[in-house]
C-alpha cells in the first residue's frame, strides 16, 4: 500500500529479491523464489481486507490504500491463488 500502483508494478520483483537477499545475508531462513513470489501475491488480499475495514484513518488514506491493494489483488490473481 505504500507504493503507487505504477511504482509497485515497476519495482515489486526487485524489492522482493532484495528482501530475500538481505534475509540470506543475515543467515535467515530464505524462502525459495517461486514460493516467496506466490506468498507475496497471496498476501495482497490480506492488506486489501485490512484497509477495507479500517475506520480510524482518514478516508483519503483508506481509499488510496484500498485502490492500490485492490489493483494488486487483481494484478496477481490473489483470490485465485488463495482458492476463494
PDB file of N, CA and C in Angstrom:
ATOM      1  N   UNK A   1       0.817  -1.197   0.000  1.00  0.00           N
ATOM      2  CA  UNK A   1       0.000   0.000   0.000  1.00  0.00           C
ATOM      3  C   UNK A   1       0.859   1.258   0.000  1.00  0.00           C
ATOM      4  N   UNK A   2       2.123   1.130   0.343  1.00  0.00           N
ATOM      5  CA  UNK A   2       2.986   2.307   0.448  1.00  0.00           C
ATOM      6  C   UNK A   2       3.381   2.869  -0.910  1.00  0.00           C
ATOM      7  N   UNK A   3       3.375   2.044  -1.928  1.00  0.00           N
ATOM      8  CA  UNK A   3       3.787   2.484  -3.255  1.00  0.00           C
ATOM      9  C   UNK A   3       2.584   2.776  -4.134  1.00  0.00           C
ATOM     10  N   UNK A   4       2.768   3.706  -5.068  1.00  0.00           N
ATOM     11  CA  UNK A   4       1.726   3.908  -6.058  1.00  0.00           C
ATOM     12  C   UNK A   4       1.592   2.635  -6.886  1.00  0.00           C
ATOM     13  N   UNK A   5       0.493   2.516  -7.587  1.00  0.00           N
ATOM     14  CA  UNK A   5       0.282   1.332  -8.427  1.00  0.00           C
ATOM     15  C   UNK A   5       1.422   1.195  -9.432  1.00  0.00           C
ATOM     16  N   UNK A   6       1.782   2.300 -10.059  1.00  0.00           N
ATOM     17  CA  UNK A   6       2.837   2.269 -11.070  1.00  0.00           C
ATOM     18  C   UNK A   6       4.182   1.874 -10.467  1.00  0.00           C
ATOM     19  N   UNK A   7       4.522   2.451  -9.311  1.00  0.00           N
ATOM     20  CA  UNK A   7       5.796   2.121  -8.665  1.00  0.00           C
ATOM     21  C   UNK A   7       5.832   0.667  -8.210  1.00  0.00           C
ATOM     22  N   UNK A   8       4.713   0.173  -7.668  1.00  0.00           N
ATOM     23  CA  UNK A   8       4.686  -1.239  -7.264  1.00  0.00           C
ATOM     24  C   UNK A   8       4.932  -2.139  -8.451  1.00  0.00           C
ATOM     25  N   UNK A   9       4.207  -1.881  -9.524  1.00  0.00           N
ATOM     26  CA  UNK A   9       4.372  -2.715 -10.715  1.00  0.00           C
ATOM     27  C   UNK A   9       5.811  -2.679 -11.226  1.00  0.00           C
ATOM     28  N   UNK A  10       6.421  -1.542 -11.153  1.00  0.00           N
ATOM     29  CA  UNK A  10       7.779  -1.375 -11.682  1.00  0.00           C
ATOM     30  C   UNK A  10       8.846  -2.014 -10.785  1.00  0.00           C
ATOM     31  N   UNK A  11       8.631  -1.998  -9.479  1.00  0.00           N
ATOM     32  CA  UNK A  11       9.708  -2.360  -8.549  1.00  0.00           C
ATOM     33  C   UNK A  11       9.464  -3.579  -7.663  1.00  0.00           C
ATOM     34  N   UNK A  12       8.257  -4.164  -7.674  1.00  0.00           N
ATOM     35  CA  UNK A  12       7.956  -5.192  -6.680  1.00  0.00           C
ATOM     36  C   UNK A  12       8.860  -6.415  -6.770  1.00  0.00           C
ATOM     37  N   UNK A  13       9.197  -6.832  -7.959  1.00  0.00           N
ATOM     38  CA  UNK A  13      10.064  -8.017  -8.081  1.00  0.00           C
ATOM     39  C   UNK A  13      11.448  -7.722  -7.530  1.00  0.00           C
ATOM     40  N   UNK A  14      12.015  -6.590  -7.897  1.00  0.00           N
ATOM     41  CA  UNK A  14      13.351  -6.260  -7.402  1.00  0.00           C
ATOM     42  C   UNK A  14      13.332  -6.046  -5.890  1.00  0.00           C
ATOM     43  N   UNK A  15      12.254  -5.493  -5.350  1.00  0.00           N
ATOM     44  CA  UNK A  15      12.167  -5.309  -3.899  1.00  0.00           C
ATOM     45  C   UNK A  15      12.065  -6.640  -3.167  1.00  0.00           C
ATOM     46  N   UNK A  16      11.293  -7.566  -3.706  1.00  0.00           N
ATOM     47  CA  UNK A  16      11.195  -8.883  -3.078  1.00  0.00           C
ATOM     48  C   UNK A  16      12.524  -9.613  -3.162  1.00  0.00           C
ATOM     49  N   UNK A  17      13.197  -9.539  -4.292  1.00  0.00           N
ATOM     50  CA  UNK A  17      14.519 -10.165  -4.425  1.00  0.00           C
ATOM     51  C   UNK A  17      15.512  -9.548  -3.433  1.00  0.00           C
ATOM     52  N   UNK A  18      15.487  -8.227  -3.306  1.00  0.00           N
ATOM     53  CA  UNK A  18      16.362  -7.529  -2.358  1.00  0.00           C
ATOM     54  C   UNK A  18      16.087  -8.008  -0.933  1.00  0.00           C
ATOM     55  N   UNK A  19      14.817  -8.117  -0.584  1.00  0.00           N
ATOM     56  CA  UNK A  19      14.433  -8.598   0.742  1.00  0.00           C
ATOM     57  C   UNK A  19      14.991  -9.995   0.993  1.00  0.00           C
ATOM     58  N   UNK A  20      14.810 -10.895   0.044  1.00  0.00           N
ATOM     59  CA  UNK A  20      15.298 -12.272   0.210  1.00  0.00           C
ATOM     60  C   UNK A  20      16.820 -12.307   0.320  1.00  0.00           C
ATOM     61  N   UNK A  21      17.502 -11.450  -0.412  1.00  0.00           N
ATOM     62  CA  UNK A  21      18.963 -11.369  -0.318  1.00  0.00           C
ATOM     63  C   UNK A  21      19.392 -10.898   1.066  1.00  0.00           C
ATOM     64  N   UNK A  22      18.667  -9.931   1.632  1.00  0.00           N
ATOM     65  CA  UNK A  22      19.010  -9.451   2.979  1.00  0.00           C
ATOM     66  C   UNK A  22      18.758 -10.534   4.016  1.00  0.00           C
ATOM     67  N   UNK A  23      17.681 -11.284   3.871  1.00  0.00           N
ATOM     68  CA  UNK A  23      17.413 -12.392   4.791  1.00  0.00           C
ATOM     69  C   UNK A  23      18.584 -13.369   4.752  1.00  0.00           C
ATOM     70  N   UNK A  24      19.027 -13.717   3.549  1.00  0.00           N
ATOM     71  CA  UNK A  24      20.154 -14.643   3.409  1.00  0.00           C
ATOM     72  C   UNK A  24      21.421 -14.057   4.003  1.00  0.00           C
ATOM     73  N   UNK A  25      21.644 -12.788   3.772  1.00  0.00           N
ATOM     74  CA  UNK A  25      22.844 -12.110   4.280  1.00  0.00           C
ATOM     75  C   UNK A  25      22.935 -12.190   5.799  1.00  0.00           C
ATOM     76  N   UNK A  26      21.793 -12.165   6.459  1.00  0.00           N
ATOM     77  CA  UNK A  26      21.770 -12.228   7.924  1.00  0.00           C
ATOM     78  C   UNK A  26      21.436 -13.622   8.435  1.00  0.00           C
ATOM     79  N   UNK A  27      21.696 -14.628   7.584  1.00  0.00           N
ATOM     80  CA  UNK A  27      21.546 -16.034   7.939  1.00  0.00           C
ATOM     81  C   UNK A  27      20.125 -16.429   8.330  1.00  0.00           C
ATOM     82  N   UNK A  28      19.163 -15.741   7.759  1.00  0.00           N
ATOM     83  CA  UNK A  28      17.774 -16.116   7.994  1.00  0.00           C
ATOM     84  C   UNK A  28      17.369 -17.255   7.077  1.00  0.00           C
ATOM     85  N   UNK A  29      16.230 -17.822   7.356  1.00  0.00           N
ATOM     86  CA  UNK A  29      15.704 -18.896   6.523  1.00  0.00           C
ATOM     87  C   UNK A  29      15.075 -18.274   5.273  1.00  0.00           C
ATOM     88  N   UNK A  30      15.657 -18.559   4.135  1.00  0.00           N
ATOM     89  CA  UNK A  30      15.226 -17.941   2.883  1.00  0.00           C
ATOM     90  C   UNK A  30      14.212 -18.837   2.183  1.00  0.00           C
ATOM     91  N   UNK A  31      13.080 -18.269   1.886  1.00  0.00           N
ATOM     92  CA  UNK A  31      12.060 -18.966   1.119  1.00  0.00           C
ATOM     93  C   UNK A  31      12.498 -18.996  -0.343  1.00  0.00           C
ATOM     94  N   UNK A  32      12.419 -20.135  -0.997  1.00  0.00           N
ATOM     95  CA  UNK A  32      12.776 -20.186  -2.423  1.00  0.00           C
ATOM     96  C   UNK A  32      11.939 -19.186  -3.225  1.00  0.00           C
ATOM     97  N   UNK A  33      12.534 -18.661  -4.295  1.00  0.00           N
ATOM     98  CA  UNK A  33      11.920 -17.592  -5.066  1.00  0.00           C
ATOM     99  C   UNK A  33      10.479 -17.890  -5.475  1.00  0.00           C
ATOM    100  N   UNK A  34      10.211 -19.026  -6.074  1.00  0.00           N
ATOM    101  CA  UNK A  34       8.854 -19.316  -6.567  1.00  0.00           C
ATOM    102  C   UNK A  34       7.827 -19.294  -5.435  1.00  0.00           C
ATOM    103  N   UNK A  35       8.198 -19.844  -4.294  1.00  0.00           N
ATOM    104  CA  UNK A  35       7.287 -19.848  -3.143  1.00  0.00           C
ATOM    105  C   UNK A  35       7.135 -18.433  -2.581  1.00  0.00           C
ATOM    106  N   UNK A  36       8.228 -17.691  -2.491  1.00  0.00           N
ATOM    107  CA  UNK A  36       8.172 -16.315  -1.983  1.00  0.00           C
ATOM    108  C   UNK A  36       7.281 -15.453  -2.868  1.00  0.00           C
ATOM    109  N   UNK A  37       7.402 -15.611  -4.184  1.00  0.00           N
ATOM    110  CA  UNK A  37       6.578 -14.843  -5.118  1.00  0.00           C
ATOM    111  C   UNK A  37       5.103 -15.214  -4.957  1.00  0.00           C
ATOM    112  N   UNK A  38       4.807 -16.491  -4.789  1.00  0.00           N
ATOM    113  CA  UNK A  38       3.428 -16.925  -4.577  1.00  0.00           C
ATOM    114  C   UNK A  38       2.875 -16.337  -3.276  1.00  0.00           C
ATOM    115  N   UNK A  39       3.637 -16.418  -2.212  1.00  0.00           N
ATOM    116  CA  UNK A  39       3.188 -15.876  -0.921  1.00  0.00           C
ATOM    117  C   UNK A  39       2.969 -14.370  -0.996  1.00  0.00           C
ATOM    118  N   UNK A  40       3.875 -13.686  -1.658  1.00  0.00           N
ATOM    119  CA  UNK A  40       3.733 -12.238  -1.845  1.00  0.00           C
ATOM    120  C   UNK A  40       2.430 -11.931  -2.583  1.00  0.00           C
ATOM    121  N   UNK A  41       2.181 -12.655  -3.660  1.00  0.00           N
ATOM    122  CA  UNK A  41       0.982 -12.426  -4.464  1.00  0.00           C
ATOM    123  C   UNK A  41      -0.288 -12.726  -3.657  1.00  0.00           C
ATOM    124  N   UNK A  42      -0.240 -13.726  -2.810  1.00  0.00           N
ATOM    125  CA  UNK A  42      -1.394 -14.034  -1.960  1.00  0.00           C
ATOM    126  C   UNK A  42      -1.601 -12.948  -0.901  1.00  0.00           C
ATOM    127  N   UNK A  43      -0.531 -12.425  -0.376  1.00  0.00           N
ATOM    128  CA  UNK A  43      -0.609 -11.519   0.772  1.00  0.00           C
ATOM    129  C   UNK A  43      -1.318 -10.209   0.469  1.00  0.00           C
ATOM    130  N   UNK A  44      -1.372  -9.810  -0.796  1.00  0.00           N
ATOM    131  CA  UNK A  44      -2.042  -8.548  -1.095  1.00  0.00           C
ATOM    132  C   UNK A  44      -3.520  -8.584  -0.693  1.00  0.00           C
ATOM    133  N   UNK A  45      -4.131  -9.742  -0.731  1.00  0.00           N
ATOM    134  CA  UNK A  45      -5.539  -9.859  -0.341  1.00  0.00           C
ATOM    135  C   UNK A  45      -5.740  -9.531   1.137  1.00  0.00           C
ATOM    136  N   UNK A  46      -4.781  -9.882   1.965  1.00  0.00           N
ATOM    137  CA  UNK A  46      -4.905  -9.606   3.398  1.00  0.00           C
ATOM    138  C   UNK A  46      -4.809  -8.109   3.674  1.00  0.00           C
ATOM    139  N   UNK A  47      -3.871  -7.435   3.020  1.00  0.00           N
ATOM    140  CA  UNK A  47      -3.772  -5.988   3.166  1.00  0.00           C
ATOM    141  C   UNK A  47      -5.020  -5.287   2.665  1.00  0.00           C
ATOM    142  N   UNK A  48      -5.542  -5.772   1.554  1.00  0.00           N
ATOM    143  CA  UNK A  48      -6.769  -5.216   0.974  1.00  0.00           C
ATOM    144  C   UNK A  48      -7.926  -5.330   1.971  1.00  0.00           C
ATOM    145  N   UNK A  49      -8.069  -6.491   2.574  1.00  0.00           N
ATOM    146  CA  UNK A  49      -9.118  -6.695   3.571  1.00  0.00           C
ATOM    147  C   UNK A  49      -8.924  -5.767   4.766  1.00  0.00           C
ATOM    148  N   UNK A  50      -7.704  -5.688   5.281  1.00  0.00           N
ATOM    149  CA  UNK A  50      -7.466  -4.877   6.479  1.00  0.00           C
ATOM    150  C   UNK A  50      -7.742  -3.392   6.228  1.00  0.00           C
ATOM    151  N   UNK A  51      -7.304  -2.885   5.089  1.00  0.00           N
ATOM    152  CA  UNK A  51      -7.599  -1.481   4.787  1.00  0.00           C
ATOM    153  C   UNK A  51      -9.082  -1.289   4.505  1.00  0.00           C
ATOM    154  N   UNK A  52      -9.738  -2.300   3.980  1.00  0.00           N
ATOM    155  CA  UNK A  52     -11.164  -2.199   3.701  1.00  0.00           C
ATOM    156  C   UNK A  52     -12.022  -2.055   4.947  1.00  0.00           C
ATOM    157  N   UNK A  53     -11.548  -2.579   6.064  1.00  0.00           N
ATOM    158  CA  UNK A  53     -12.314  -2.480   7.309  1.00  0.00           C
ATOM    159  C   UNK A  53     -11.799  -1.386   8.241  1.00  0.00           C
ATOM    160  N   UNK A  54     -10.776  -0.670   7.825  1.00  0.00           N
ATOM    161  CA  UNK A  54     -10.195   0.380   8.663  1.00  0.00           C
ATOM    162  C   UNK A  54     -11.156   1.557   8.769  1.00  0.00           C
ATOM    163  N   UNK A  55     -11.405   1.987  10.001  1.00  0.00           N
ATOM    164  CA  UNK A  55     -12.331   3.093  10.230  1.00  0.00           C
ATOM    165  C   UNK A  55     -11.700   4.272  10.955  1.00  0.00           C
ATOM    166  N   UNK A  56     -10.512   4.112  11.472  1.00  0.00           N
ATOM    167  CA  UNK A  56      -9.924   5.162  12.300  1.00  0.00           C
ATOM    168  C   UNK A  56      -8.789   5.904  11.609  1.00  0.00           C
ATOM    169  N   UNK A  57      -8.840   5.917  10.293  1.00  0.00           N
ATOM    170  CA  UNK A  57      -7.862   6.629   9.486  1.00  0.00           C
ATOM    171  C   UNK A  57      -8.645   7.463   8.487  1.00  0.00           C
ATOM    172  N   UNK A  58      -8.073   8.560   8.071  1.00  0.00           N
ATOM    173  CA  UNK A  58      -8.719   9.442   7.103  1.00  0.00           C
ATOM    174  C   UNK A  58      -9.219   8.672   5.887  1.00  0.00           C
ATOM    175  N   UNK A  59     -10.409   9.045   5.421  1.00  0.00           N
ATOM    176  CA  UNK A  59     -10.990   8.389   4.240  1.00  0.00           C
ATOM    177  C   UNK A  59     -10.063   8.458   3.035  1.00  0.00           C
ATOM    178  N   UNK A  60      -9.360   9.575   2.869  1.00  0.00           N
ATOM    179  CA  UNK A  60      -8.445   9.708   1.730  1.00  0.00           C
ATOM    180  C   UNK A  60      -7.348   8.650   1.764  1.00  0.00           C
ATOM    181  N   UNK A  61      -6.814   8.383   2.942  1.00  0.00           N
ATOM    182  CA  UNK A  61      -5.753   7.379   3.084  1.00  0.00           C
ATOM    183  C   UNK A  61      -6.322   5.986   2.857  1.00  0.00           C
ATOM    184  N   UNK A  62      -7.459   5.702   3.467  1.00  0.00           N
ATOM    185  CA  UNK A  62      -8.090   4.391   3.289  1.00  0.00           C
ATOM    186  C   UNK A  62      -8.395   4.154   1.814  1.00  0.00           C
ATOM    187  N   UNK A  63      -8.985   5.126   1.157  1.00  0.00           N
ATOM    188  CA  UNK A  63      -9.350   4.964  -0.256  1.00  0.00           C
ATOM    189  C   UNK A  63      -8.125   4.756  -1.132  1.00  0.00           C
ATOM    190  N   UNK A  64      -7.048   5.481  -0.875  1.00  0.00           N
ATOM    191  CA  UNK A  64      -5.820   5.309  -1.663  1.00  0.00           C
ATOM    192  C   UNK A  64      -5.263   3.901  -1.472  1.00  0.00           C
ATOM    193  N   UNK A  65      -5.222   3.428  -0.230  1.00  0.00           N
ATOM    194  CA  UNK A  65      -4.661   2.100   0.039  1.00  0.00           C
ATOM    195  C   UNK A  65      -5.552   0.983  -0.495  1.00  0.00           C
ATOM    196  N   UNK A  66      -6.856   1.147  -0.390  1.00  0.00           N
ATOM    197  CA  UNK A  66      -7.775   0.141  -0.938  1.00  0.00           C
ATOM    198  C   UNK A  66      -7.623   0.085  -2.457  1.00  0.00           C
ATOM    199  N   UNK A  67      -7.492   1.226  -3.086  1.00  0.00           N
ATOM    200  CA  UNK A  67      -7.302   1.251  -4.539  1.00  0.00           C
ATOM    201  C   UNK A  67      -5.997   0.569  -4.932  1.00  0.00           C
ATOM    202  N   UNK A  68      -4.917   0.891  -4.234  1.00  0.00           N
ATOM    203  CA  UNK A  68      -3.612   0.289  -4.535  1.00  0.00           C
ATOM    204  C   UNK A  68      -3.623  -1.216  -4.318  1.00  0.00           C
ATOM    205  N   UNK A  69      -4.155  -1.636  -3.191  1.00  0.00           N
ATOM    206  CA  UNK A  69      -4.155  -3.065  -2.888  1.00  0.00           C
ATOM    207  C   UNK A  69      -5.175  -3.825  -3.711  1.00  0.00           C
ATOM    208  N   UNK A  70      -6.308  -3.215  -3.998  1.00  0.00           N
ATOM    209  CA  UNK A  70      -7.283  -3.868  -4.858  1.00  0.00           C
ATOM    210  C   UNK A  70      -6.718  -4.120  -6.248  1.00  0.00           C
ATOM    211  N   UNK A  71      -5.959  -3.167  -6.745  1.00  0.00           N
ATOM    212  CA  UNK A  71      -5.304  -3.351  -8.037  1.00  0.00           C
ATOM    213  C   UNK A  71      -4.261  -4.452  -7.959  1.00  0.00           C
ATOM    214  N   UNK A  72      -3.530  -4.505  -6.862  1.00  0.00           N
ATOM    215  CA  UNK A  72      -2.530  -5.570  -6.685  1.00  0.00           C
ATOM    216  C   UNK A  72      -3.198  -6.941  -6.620  1.00  0.00           C
ATOM    217  N   UNK A  73      -4.325  -7.023  -5.924  1.00  0.00           N
ATOM    218  CA  UNK A  73      -5.073  -8.279  -5.846  1.00  0.00           C
ATOM    219  C   UNK A  73      -5.469  -8.730  -7.251  1.00  0.00           C
ATOM    220  N   UNK A  74      -5.958  -7.804  -8.051  1.00  0.00           N
ATOM    221  CA  UNK A  74      -6.339  -8.141  -9.429  1.00  0.00           C
ATOM    222  C   UNK A  74      -5.117  -8.496 -10.271  1.00  0.00           C
ATOM    223  N   UNK A  75      -4.055  -7.695 -10.154  1.00  0.00           N
ATOM    224  CA  UNK A  75      -2.838  -7.950 -10.936  1.00  0.00           C
ATOM    225  C   UNK A  75      -2.269  -9.338 -10.667  1.00  0.00           C
ATOM    226  N   UNK A  76      -2.359  -9.774  -9.423  1.00  0.00           N
ATOM    227  CA  UNK A  76      -1.708 -11.019  -9.006  1.00  0.00           C
ATOM    228  C   UNK A  76      -2.647 -12.206  -8.878  1.00  0.00           C
ATOM    229  N   UNK A  77      -3.899 -12.021  -9.235  1.00  0.00           N
ATOM    230  CA  UNK A  77      -4.883 -13.102  -9.115  1.00  0.00           C
ATOM    231  C   UNK A  77      -4.835 -13.715  -7.709  1.00  0.00           C
ATOM    232  N   UNK A  78      -4.768 -12.837  -6.726  1.00  0.00           N
ATOM    233  CA  UNK A  78      -4.604 -13.279  -5.338  1.00  0.00           C
ATOM    234  C   UNK A  78      -5.713 -14.213  -4.877  1.00  0.00           C
ATOM    235  N   UNK A  79      -6.959 -13.898  -5.215  1.00  0.00           N
ATOM    236  CA  UNK A  79      -8.063 -14.751  -4.776  1.00  0.00           C
ATOM    237  C   UNK A  79      -7.985 -16.128  -5.402  1.00  0.00           C
ATOM    238  N   UNK A  80      -7.557 -16.183  -6.637  1.00  0.00           N
ATOM    239  CA  UNK A  80      -7.390 -17.484  -7.296  1.00  0.00           C
ATOM    240  C   UNK A  80      -6.310 -18.297  -6.581  1.00  0.00           C
ATOM    241  N   UNK A  81      -5.206 -17.643  -6.244  1.00  0.00           N
ATOM    242  CA  UNK A  81      -4.133 -18.341  -5.530  1.00  0.00           C
ATOM    243  C   UNK A  81      -4.590 -18.813  -4.153  1.00  0.00           C
ATOM    244  N   UNK A  82      -5.481 -18.034  -3.535  1.00  0.00           N
ATOM    245  CA  UNK A  82      -5.998 -18.400  -2.206  1.00  0.00           C
ATOM    246  C   UNK A  82      -7.184 -19.352  -2.298  1.00  0.00           C
ATOM    247  N   UNK A  83      -7.632 -19.620  -3.520  1.00  0.00           N
ATOM    248  CA  UNK A  83      -8.764 -20.507  -3.776  1.00  0.00           C
ATOM    249  C   UNK A  83     -10.064 -19.995  -3.124  1.00  0.00           C
ATOM    250  N   UNK A  84     -10.262 -18.682  -3.238  1.00  0.00           N
ATOM    251  CA  UNK A  84     -11.527 -18.091  -2.735  1.00  0.00           C
ATOM    252  C   UNK A  84     -12.254 -17.400  -3.863  1.00  0.00           C
TER     253      UNK A  84
END
